[in-house]
C-alpha atoms as a PDB file:
ATOM      1  CA  MET A   1      -6.684 -10.360  35.857  1.00  0.00           C
ATOM      2  CA  SER A   2      -7.596  -6.565  36.462  1.00  0.00           C
ATOM      3  CA  LEU A   3      -5.040  -3.932  35.907  1.00  0.00           C
ATOM      4  CA  PRO A   4      -4.964  -0.155  37.465  1.00  0.00           C
ATOM      5  CA  LYS A   5      -6.999   2.308  35.333  1.00  0.00           C
ATOM      6  CA  GLY A   6      -3.926   3.994  34.109  1.00  0.00           C
ATOM      7  CA  LEU A   7      -2.014   0.877  33.104  1.00  0.00           C
ATOM      8  CA  ALA A   8      -5.193  -0.510  31.573  1.00  0.00           C
ATOM      9  CA  GLU A   9      -5.576   2.466  29.399  1.00  0.00           C
ATOM     10  CA  GLU A  10      -1.808   2.193  28.404  1.00  0.00           C
ATOM     11  CA  VAL A  11      -1.864  -1.639  27.675  1.00  0.00           C
ATOM     12  CA  SER A  12      -5.067  -1.010  25.671  1.00  0.00           C
ATOM     13  CA  ARG A  13      -3.569   1.747  23.497  1.00  0.00           C
ATOM     14  CA  ASN A  14      -0.589  -0.733  22.454  1.00  0.00           C
ATOM     15  CA  LEU A  15      -3.096  -3.295  21.757  1.00  0.00           C
ATOM     16  CA  VAL A  16      -5.164  -1.247  19.338  1.00  0.00           C
ATOM     17  CA  MET A  17      -2.358  -0.250  17.389  1.00  0.00           C
ATOM     18  CA  VAL A  18      -1.120  -3.978  17.324  1.00  0.00           C
ATOM     19  CA  ALA A  19      -4.425  -4.647  15.754  1.00  0.00           C
ATOM     20  CA  GLN A  20      -4.380  -1.616  13.117  1.00  0.00           C
ATOM     21  CA  LEU A  21      -0.814  -2.451  12.102  1.00  0.00           C
ATOM     22  CA  ILE A  22      -0.605  -6.169  12.056  1.00  0.00           C
ATOM     23  CA  ASP A  23      -1.318  -6.530   8.396  1.00  0.00           C
ATOM     24  CA  GLU A  24       0.191  -3.346   6.976  1.00  0.00           C
ATOM     25  CA  ASP A  25       3.418  -2.995   9.064  1.00  0.00           C
ATOM     26  CA  PRO A  26       3.950  -6.231  11.236  1.00  0.00           C
ATOM     27  CA  GLU A  27       7.189  -4.986  12.518  1.00  0.00           C
ATOM     28  CA  GLN A  28       5.846  -2.024  14.135  1.00  0.00           C
ATOM     29  CA  ALA A  29       3.040  -3.757  15.438  1.00  0.00           C
ATOM     30  CA  TYR A  30       5.477  -6.393  16.949  1.00  0.00           C
ATOM     31  CA  GLY A  31       7.151  -3.437  18.738  1.00  0.00           C
ATOM     32  CA  TYR A  32       3.800  -2.381  20.255  1.00  0.00           C
ATOM     33  CA  SER A  33       3.114  -5.788  21.375  1.00  0.00           C
ATOM     34  CA  ARG A  34       6.629  -5.891  22.942  1.00  0.00           C
ATOM     35  CA  VAL A  35       5.414  -2.606  24.975  1.00  0.00           C
ATOM     36  CA  ALA A  36       2.150  -4.259  25.922  1.00  0.00           C
ATOM     37  CA  LEU A  37       3.827  -7.397  27.155  1.00  0.00           C
ATOM     38  CA  ARG A  38       6.313  -5.631  29.330  1.00  0.00           C
ATOM     39  CA  LEU A  39       3.331  -3.894  30.889  1.00  0.00           C
ATOM     40  CA  ALA A  40       1.041  -6.798  31.454  1.00  0.00           C
ATOM     41  CA  SER A  41       2.596 -10.086  30.541  1.00  0.00           C
ATOM     42  CA  ARG A  42      -0.020 -11.849  33.026  1.00  0.00           C
ATOM     43  CA  VAL A  43      -2.863 -10.941  30.861  1.00  0.00           C
ATOM     44  CA  ALA A  44      -3.805 -13.525  28.338  1.00  0.00           C
ATOM     45  CA  ALA A  45      -5.068 -11.070  25.646  1.00  0.00           C
ATOM     46  CA  VAL A  46      -1.598  -9.752  25.783  1.00  0.00           C
ATOM     47  CA  ARG A  47       0.067 -12.919  25.279  1.00  0.00           C
ATOM     48  CA  GLU A  48      -2.254 -13.677  22.556  1.00  0.00           C
ATOM     49  CA  ALA A  49      -1.743 -10.315  20.851  1.00  0.00           C
ATOM     50  CA  ALA A  50       2.244 -10.831  21.046  1.00  0.00           C
ATOM     51  CA  GLY A  51       1.729 -14.359  19.508  1.00  0.00           C
ATOM     52  CA  PHE A  52      -0.179 -12.993  16.717  1.00  0.00           C
ATOM     53  CA  ALA A  53       2.609 -10.231  16.197  1.00  0.00           C
ATOM     54  CA  ALA A  54       5.370 -12.567  16.358  1.00  0.00           C
ATOM     55  CA  TYR A  55       3.612 -14.849  13.946  1.00  0.00           C
ATOM     56  CA  ALA A  56       3.253 -12.172  11.458  1.00  0.00           C
ATOM     57  CA  THR A  57       6.938 -11.454  11.449  1.00  0.00           C
ATOM     58  CA  GLN A  58       7.653 -15.398  11.062  1.00  0.00           C
ATOM     59  CA  LYS A  59       9.089 -15.482  14.756  1.00  0.00           C
ATOM     60  CA  TYR A  60       7.495 -18.675  15.011  1.00  0.00           C
ATOM     61  CA  SER A  61       9.287 -20.096  18.162  1.00  0.00           C
ATOM     62  CA  GLU A  62       8.662 -16.529  20.055  1.00  0.00           C
ATOM     63  CA  ALA A  63       4.681 -16.713  18.530  1.00  0.00           C
ATOM     64  CA  LEU A  64       4.454 -20.554  19.822  1.00  0.00           C
ATOM     65  CA  ALA A  65       5.729 -19.565  23.557  1.00  0.00           C
ATOM     66  CA  GLU A  66       3.142 -16.622  23.516  1.00  0.00           C
ATOM     67  CA  PHE A  67       0.240 -18.816  22.450  1.00  0.00           C
ATOM     68  CA  ARG A  68       1.021 -21.534  24.788  1.00  0.00           C
ATOM     69  CA  ALA A  69       1.115 -19.003  27.601  1.00  0.00           C
ATOM     70  CA  ALA A  70      -2.157 -17.389  26.494  1.00  0.00           C
ATOM     71  CA  ARG A  71      -3.818 -20.738  26.108  1.00  0.00           C
ATOM     72  CA  ARG A  72      -2.648 -21.939  29.805  1.00  0.00           C
ATOM     73  CA  MET A  73      -4.255 -18.304  31.068  1.00  0.00           C
ATOM     74  CA  SER A  74      -7.492 -18.794  29.225  1.00  0.00           C
ATOM     75  CA  GLY A  75      -8.106 -22.552  29.020  1.00  0.00           C
ATOM     76  CA  GLY A  76      -9.363 -22.320  25.525  1.00  0.00           C
ATOM     77  CA  VAL A  77      -8.564 -24.202  22.332  1.00  0.00           C
ATOM     78  CA  GLU A  78      -8.953 -21.629  19.779  1.00  0.00           C
ATOM     79  CA  LEU A  79      -5.405 -20.967  19.419  1.00  0.00           C
ATOM     80  CA  TRP A  80      -4.670 -24.684  18.512  1.00  0.00           C
ATOM     81  CA  PRO A  81      -4.443 -24.365  14.717  1.00  0.00           C
ATOM     82  CA  VAL A  82      -2.243 -21.208  14.677  1.00  0.00           C
ATOM     83  CA  MET A  83      -0.107 -23.075  17.129  1.00  0.00           C
ATOM     84  CA  ALA A  84       0.104 -26.159  14.765  1.00  0.00           C
ATOM     85  CA  ASP A  85       0.967 -23.867  12.184  1.00  0.00           C
ATOM     86  CA  CYS A  86       3.838 -22.453  14.045  1.00  0.00           C
ATOM     87  CA  GLU A  87       5.082 -25.827  14.344  1.00  0.00           C
ATOM     88  CA  ARG A  88       5.235 -25.755  10.479  1.00  0.00           C
ATOM     89  CA  GLY A  89       7.064 -22.471  10.165  1.00  0.00           C
ATOM     90  CA  LEU A  90       9.750 -24.044  12.713  1.00  0.00           C
ATOM     91  CA  GLY A  91      10.063 -27.149  10.130  1.00  0.00           C
ATOM     92  CA  ARG A  92       8.189 -29.591  12.123  1.00  0.00           C
ATOM     93  CA  PRO A  93       5.105 -30.755   9.997  1.00  0.00           C
ATOM     94  CA  GLU A  94       5.067 -33.943  11.759  1.00  0.00           C
ATOM     95  CA  ARG A  95       4.188 -32.361  14.965  1.00  0.00           C
ATOM     96  CA  ALA A  96       1.681 -30.162  13.172  1.00  0.00           C
ATOM     97  CA  LEU A  97      -0.012 -33.362  11.962  1.00  0.00           C
ATOM     98  CA  ALA A  98      -0.215 -35.084  15.305  1.00  0.00           C
ATOM     99  CA  MET A  99      -1.774 -31.749  16.433  1.00  0.00           C
ATOM    100  CA  ALA A 100      -4.289 -32.213  14.018  1.00  0.00           C
ATOM    101  CA  GLY A 101      -5.465 -35.688  15.582  1.00  0.00           C
ATOM    102  CA  GLU A 102      -5.351 -34.419  19.287  1.00  0.00           C
ATOM    103  CA  PRO A 103      -8.964 -34.174  21.055  1.00  0.00           C
ATOM    104  CA  GLU A 104      -8.763 -30.368  21.206  1.00  0.00           C
ATOM    105  CA  VAL A 105      -9.561 -30.317  17.600  1.00  0.00           C
ATOM    106  CA  LEU A 106     -13.086 -31.577  18.404  1.00  0.00           C
ATOM    107  CA  LYS A 107     -13.574 -28.736  20.892  1.00  0.00           C
ATOM    108  CA  LEU A 108     -12.965 -25.966  18.040  1.00  0.00           C
ATOM    109  CA  ASP A 109     -15.807 -24.412  16.164  1.00  0.00           C
ATOM    110  CA  LYS A 110     -16.449 -24.782  12.667  1.00  0.00           C
ATOM    111  CA  ALA A 111     -14.113 -22.082  11.434  1.00  0.00           C
ATOM    112  CA  GLY A 112     -11.160 -23.487  14.006  1.00  0.00           C
ATOM    113  CA  GLN A 113     -11.810 -27.032  12.415  1.00  0.00           C
ATOM    114  CA  VAL A 114     -11.445 -25.320   8.974  1.00  0.00           C
ATOM    115  CA  GLU A 115      -8.409 -23.570   9.750  1.00  0.00           C
ATOM    116  CA  MET A 116      -6.845 -26.973  11.441  1.00  0.00           C
ATOM    117  CA  ARG A 117      -7.679 -28.733   8.114  1.00  0.00           C
ATOM    118  CA  LEU A 118      -5.700 -26.095   6.187  1.00  0.00           C
ATOM    119  CA  VAL A 119      -2.704 -26.288   8.565  1.00  0.00           C
ATOM    120  CA  ALA A 120      -2.697 -30.277   8.244  1.00  0.00           C
ATOM    121  CA  ALA A 121      -3.205 -29.871   4.376  1.00  0.00           C
ATOM    122  CA  GLY A 122       0.160 -27.678   4.096  1.00  0.00           C
ATOM    123  CA  ALA A 123       1.689 -29.926   6.562  1.00  0.00           C
ATOM    124  CA  ARG A 124       1.105 -32.974   4.120  1.00  0.00           C
ATOM    125  CA  ARG A 125       2.631 -30.712   1.229  1.00  0.00           C
ATOM    126  CA  ASP A 126       5.808 -29.726   3.564  1.00  0.00           C
ATOM    127  CA  LEU A 127       6.450 -33.503   3.391  1.00  0.00           C
ATOM    128  CA  GLY A 128       5.736 -34.015  -0.332  1.00  0.00           C
ATOM    129  CA  GLN A 129       2.521 -35.766   0.170  1.00  0.00           C
ATOM    130  CA  LEU A 130       0.631 -33.877  -2.406  1.00  0.00           C
ATOM    131  CA  ASP A 131      -2.378 -36.541  -2.846  1.00  0.00           C
ATOM    132  CA  ALA A 132      -2.693 -36.667   1.104  1.00  0.00           C
ATOM    133  CA  ALA A 133      -2.967 -32.671   1.068  1.00  0.00           C
ATOM    134  CA  ILE A 134      -5.554 -33.016  -1.481  1.00  0.00           C
ATOM    135  CA  VAL A 135      -7.890 -35.764   0.442  1.00  0.00           C
ATOM    136  CA  THR A 136      -7.170 -33.677   3.428  1.00  0.00           C
ATOM    137  CA  LEU A 137      -8.722 -30.675   2.142  1.00  0.00           C
ATOM    138  CA  GLN A 138     -11.694 -32.695   0.746  1.00  0.00           C
ATOM    139  CA  SER A 139     -14.788 -32.071   3.162  1.00  0.00           C
ATOM    140  CA  PRO A 140     -18.490 -31.092   3.468  1.00  0.00           C
ATOM    141  CA  GLU A 141     -17.158 -27.349   4.097  1.00  0.00           C
ATOM    142  CA  LEU A 142     -15.287 -27.653   0.519  1.00  0.00           C
ATOM    143  CA  ALA A 143     -18.267 -29.328  -1.137  1.00  0.00           C
ATOM    144  CA  SER A 144     -20.722 -26.797   0.357  1.00  0.00           C
ATOM    145  CA  SER A 145     -22.249 -23.995  -2.038  1.00  0.00           C
ATOM    146  CA  ALA A 146     -22.578 -21.832   1.186  1.00  0.00           C
ATOM    147  CA  VAL A 147     -20.087 -19.037   1.544  1.00  0.00           C
ATOM    148  CA  HIS A 148     -18.295 -18.377   4.745  1.00  0.00           C
ATOM    149  CA  PRO A 149     -15.425 -16.162   5.723  1.00  0.00           C
ATOM    150  CA  TRP A 150     -13.268 -19.110   5.455  1.00  0.00           C
ATOM    151  CA  THR A 151     -14.396 -20.617   2.211  1.00  0.00           C
ATOM    152  CA  ALA A 152     -12.397 -18.800  -0.570  1.00  0.00           C
ATOM    153  CA  ARG A 153      -9.305 -19.748   1.519  1.00  0.00           C
ATOM    154  CA  LEU A 154     -10.408 -23.208   1.905  1.00  0.00           C
ATOM    155  CA  ARG A 155     -11.306 -23.284  -2.126  1.00  0.00           C
ATOM    156  CA  TYR A 156      -7.951 -21.461  -2.767  1.00  0.00           C
ATOM    157  CA  ALA A 157      -5.875 -24.184  -1.064  1.00  0.00           C
ATOM    158  CA  TYR A 158      -7.577 -26.862  -2.475  1.00  0.00           C
ATOM    159  CA  ALA A 159      -7.024 -25.482  -5.919  1.00  0.00           C
ATOM    160  CA  ASP A 160      -3.146 -24.641  -5.182  1.00  0.00           C
ATOM    161  CA  ALA A 161      -2.866 -28.442  -4.265  1.00  0.00           C
ATOM    162  CA  LEU A 162      -4.532 -29.606  -7.124  1.00  0.00           C
ATOM    163  CA  LEU A 163      -2.312 -27.474  -9.492  1.00  0.00           C
ATOM    164  CA  ALA A 164       0.821 -28.612  -7.735  1.00  0.00           C
ATOM    165  CA  ALA A 165      -0.332 -32.114  -8.300  1.00  0.00           C
ATOM    166  CA  GLY A 166      -0.728 -31.260 -11.843  1.00  0.00           C
ATOM    167  CA  ARG A 167      -4.284 -31.410 -12.186  1.00  0.00           C
ATOM    168  CA  GLU A 168      -4.717 -28.287 -13.921  1.00  0.00           C
ATOM    169  CA  ASN A 169      -8.354 -28.224 -15.495  1.00  0.00           C
ATOM    170  CA  GLU A 170      -9.600 -28.961 -11.911  1.00  0.00           C
ATOM    171  CA  ALA A 171      -7.179 -26.410 -10.243  1.00  0.00           C
ATOM    172  CA  ARG A 172      -8.626 -23.835 -12.554  1.00  0.00           C
ATOM    173  CA  GLU A 173     -12.349 -24.557 -11.660  1.00  0.00           C
ATOM    174  CA  TRP A 174     -11.484 -24.411  -8.035  1.00  0.00           C
ATOM    175  CA  PHE A 175      -9.381 -21.067  -8.340  1.00  0.00           C
ATOM    176  CA  ALA A 176     -13.109 -19.764 -10.082  1.00  0.00           C
ATOM    177  CA  LYS A 177     -14.937 -21.177  -7.093  1.00  0.00           C
ATOM    178  CA  ALA A 178     -12.465 -19.378  -4.715  1.00  0.00           C
ATOM    179  CA  LEU A 179     -12.637 -16.218  -6.524  1.00  0.00           C
ATOM    180  CA  GLU A 180     -16.534 -16.187  -6.543  1.00  0.00           C
ATOM    181  CA  ALA A 181     -16.552 -16.653  -2.633  1.00  0.00           C
ATOM    182  CA  ASP A 182     -13.575 -13.993  -2.157  1.00  0.00           C
ATOM    183  CA  LYS A 183     -15.670 -10.778  -1.640  1.00  0.00           C
ATOM    184  CA  ASP A 184     -12.635  -9.040   0.210  1.00  0.00           C
ATOM    185  CA  GLY A 185      -9.651 -10.162  -1.604  1.00  0.00           C
ATOM    186  CA  ALA A 186      -8.174 -12.345   0.846  1.00  0.00           C
ATOM    187  CA  THR A 187      -6.605 -14.456  -1.703  1.00  0.00           C
ATOM    188  CA  ASP A 188      -5.091 -13.973  -5.191  1.00  0.00           C
ATOM    189  CA  ALA A 189      -7.266 -16.091  -7.190  1.00  0.00           C
ATOM    190  CA  SER A 190      -7.874 -13.656  -9.715  1.00  0.00           C
ATOM    191  CA  ASP A 191      -4.288 -13.277 -10.404  1.00  0.00           C
ATOM    192  CA  ARG A 192      -3.586 -16.995 -10.734  1.00  0.00           C
ATOM    193  CA  LEU A 193      -6.567 -17.481 -13.077  1.00  0.00           C
ATOM    194  CA  ALA A 194      -5.151 -14.842 -15.222  1.00  0.00           C
ATOM    195  CA  GLU A 195      -1.742 -16.416 -15.084  1.00  0.00           C
ATOM    196  CA  MET A 196      -3.318 -20.062 -15.989  1.00  0.00           C
ATOM    197  CA  ASP A 197      -5.091 -18.461 -18.942  1.00  0.00           C
ATOM    198  CA  GLY A 198      -1.818 -16.666 -19.907  1.00  0.00           C
ATOM    199  CA  VAL A 199      -2.933 -13.155 -19.332  1.00  0.00           C
ATOM    200  CA  GLU A 200      -0.150 -10.596 -18.607  1.00  0.00           C
ATOM    201  CA  PHE A 201      -1.256  -7.276 -16.794  1.00  0.00           C
ATOM    202  CA  VAL A 202       0.733  -4.320 -17.989  1.00  0.00           C
ATOM    203  CA  ASP A 203       1.047  -1.065 -16.151  1.00  0.00           C
ATOM    204  CA  ALA A 204      -0.901   1.683 -17.597  1.00  0.00           C
ATOM    205  CA  PHE A 205       2.118   3.813 -17.042  1.00  0.00           C
ATOM    206  CA  ASP A 206       5.353   2.842 -18.444  1.00  0.00           C
ATOM    207  CA  GLU A 207       8.452   5.074 -17.687  1.00  0.00           C
ATOM    208  CA  SER A 208      10.007   3.674 -20.948  1.00  0.00           C
ATOM    209  CA  ASP A 209       7.409   5.412 -22.775  1.00  0.00           C
ATOM    210  CA  ASP A 210       8.770   8.863 -21.414  1.00  0.00           C
ATOM    211  CA  VAL A 211      10.024  11.256 -23.583  1.00  0.00           C
ATOM    212  CA  ASP A 212      13.595  11.597 -22.994  1.00  0.00           C
ATOM    213  CA  GLU A 213      14.822  14.949 -22.119  1.00  0.00           C
ATOM    214  CA  SER A 214      17.806  14.821 -24.125  1.00  0.00           C
ATOM    215  CA  ASP A 215      15.980  13.927 -27.163  1.00  0.00           C
ATOM    216  CA  ASP A 216      16.456  16.505 -30.062  1.00  0.00           C
ATOM    217  CA  VAL A 217      13.491  18.808 -30.617  1.00  0.00           C
ATOM    218  CA  ASP A 218      13.950  18.183 -34.296  1.00  0.00           C
ATOM    219  CA  ASP A 219      12.194  14.899 -33.852  1.00  0.00           C
ATOM    220  CA  VAL A 220       8.869  17.008 -33.121  1.00  0.00           C
ATOM    221  CA  ASP A 221       7.104  17.607 -36.097  1.00  0.00           C
ATOM    222  CA  ASP A 222       3.762  19.360 -36.245  1.00  0.00           C
ATOM    223  CA  VAL A 223       2.744  21.794 -33.335  1.00  0.00           C
ATOM    224  CA  ASP A 224      -0.041  24.307 -33.350  1.00  0.00           C
ATOM    225  CA  VAL A 225      -1.020  26.357 -30.051  1.00  0.00           C
ATOM    226  CA  ASP A 226      -4.713  26.602 -29.486  1.00  0.00           C
ATOM    227  CA  VAL A 227      -5.594  28.278 -26.208  1.00  0.00           C
ATOM    228  CA  GLU A 228      -9.356  27.692 -25.532  1.00  0.00           C
ATOM    229  CA  GLU A 229     -11.705  29.423 -22.879  1.00  0.00           C
ATOM    230  CA  SER A 230     -11.128  26.615 -20.849  1.00  0.00           C
ATOM    231  CA  ASP A 231      -7.462  27.372 -20.324  1.00  0.00           C
ATOM    232  CA  GLU A 232      -6.402  24.302 -21.884  1.00  0.00           C
ATOM    233  CA  VAL A 233      -3.391  24.682 -24.152  1.00  0.00           C
ATOM    234  CA  VAL A 234      -2.388  22.238 -26.834  1.00  0.00           C
ATOM    235  CA  ILE A 235       1.062  23.420 -28.233  1.00  0.00           C
ATOM    236  CA  ASP A 236       1.817  22.373 -31.747  1.00  0.00           C
ATOM    237  CA  VAL A 237       5.148  23.519 -33.112  1.00  0.00           C
ATOM    238  CA  GLU A 238       6.056  23.477 -36.922  1.00  0.00           C
ATOM    239  CA  LEU A 239       9.715  23.174 -37.003  1.00  0.00           C
ATOM    240  CA  ASP A 240      11.563  24.022 -40.421  1.00  0.00           C
ATOM    241  CA  ASP A 241      15.027  23.579 -41.302  1.00  0.00           C
ATOM    242  CA  GLU A 242      15.472  27.512 -41.902  1.00  0.00           C
ATOM    243  CA  LEU A 243      13.484  30.292 -40.653  1.00  0.00           C
ATOM    244  CA  ASP A 244      11.755  32.686 -43.032  1.00  0.00           C
ATOM    245  CA  GLU A 245      13.638  35.783 -43.884  1.00  0.00           C
ATOM    246  CA  ASP A 246      10.634  37.599 -42.604  1.00  0.00           C
ATOM    247  CA  ASP A 247      10.951  35.763 -39.336  1.00  0.00           C
ATOM    248  CA  GLU A 248      14.517  36.696 -38.966  1.00  0.00           C
ATOM    249  CA  ASP A 249      13.835  40.359 -39.661  1.00  0.00           C
ATOM    250  CA  GLU A 250      11.265  40.137 -36.986  1.00  0.00           C
ATOM    251  CA  ARG A 251      14.078  38.692 -34.421  1.00  0.00           C
ATOM    252  CA  GLY A 252      16.177  41.609 -35.154  1.00  0.00           C
ATOM    253  CA  GLY A 253      18.930  39.425 -36.868  1.00  0.00           C
ATOM    254  CA  ASP A 254      19.599  37.898 -33.410  1.00  0.00           C
ATOM    255  CA  ASP A 255      21.009  34.460 -33.739  1.00  0.00           C
ATOM    256  CA  ARG A 256      21.065  32.796 -30.686  1.00  0.00           C
END
């Protein structure tokens, strides 16, 4: 569907903002998507963007409605996996599993089929079927040594399912493989590995280490003042219990 030039530009600006904000500020992205939707609700790309913005803010019923509308307009199947995941979000894992067995899955490209496999495995876990979730993820794509955009997430999901099933050694191996494939930091595989190895990360700056301004200055022992040509000043003060008489004379006997 074509739009008048001015309207098309306004819609495009809002869609650009949705794309830019959806990861960092999904609520704001959702707001822009609603504006675009009011302006051009009969454009498939607008309905799809509105769906993803609603999905990012966990408004699964709204997201599913927008994805269905976009699919009717475009006739494509690429939204099938995320539609199934919306069913999971609505507490209907059985429907997600039913969608995983529909003919539409065969029309998906490789990335879409992997995504559908991830959704199906998640649905199995929702139902408490851990072993079935593990089997669902076992595939040629998982076994392949080739790295694709979805490889890290697939390996991570497999590792997480193994860990949930109590198979820790295997889980650690697959978290490591996920990390190896995760060049963009799409997963927290490194944190999961550290957790399994008992490694605890501590912030370099700890507010508890700050010196309390109320601390008595008598706690400070040696302080020298060295001024270097670089203008760096290191203060080193030596506090005594009593002032030298000479110092008292220099201060004019002023006791402050």
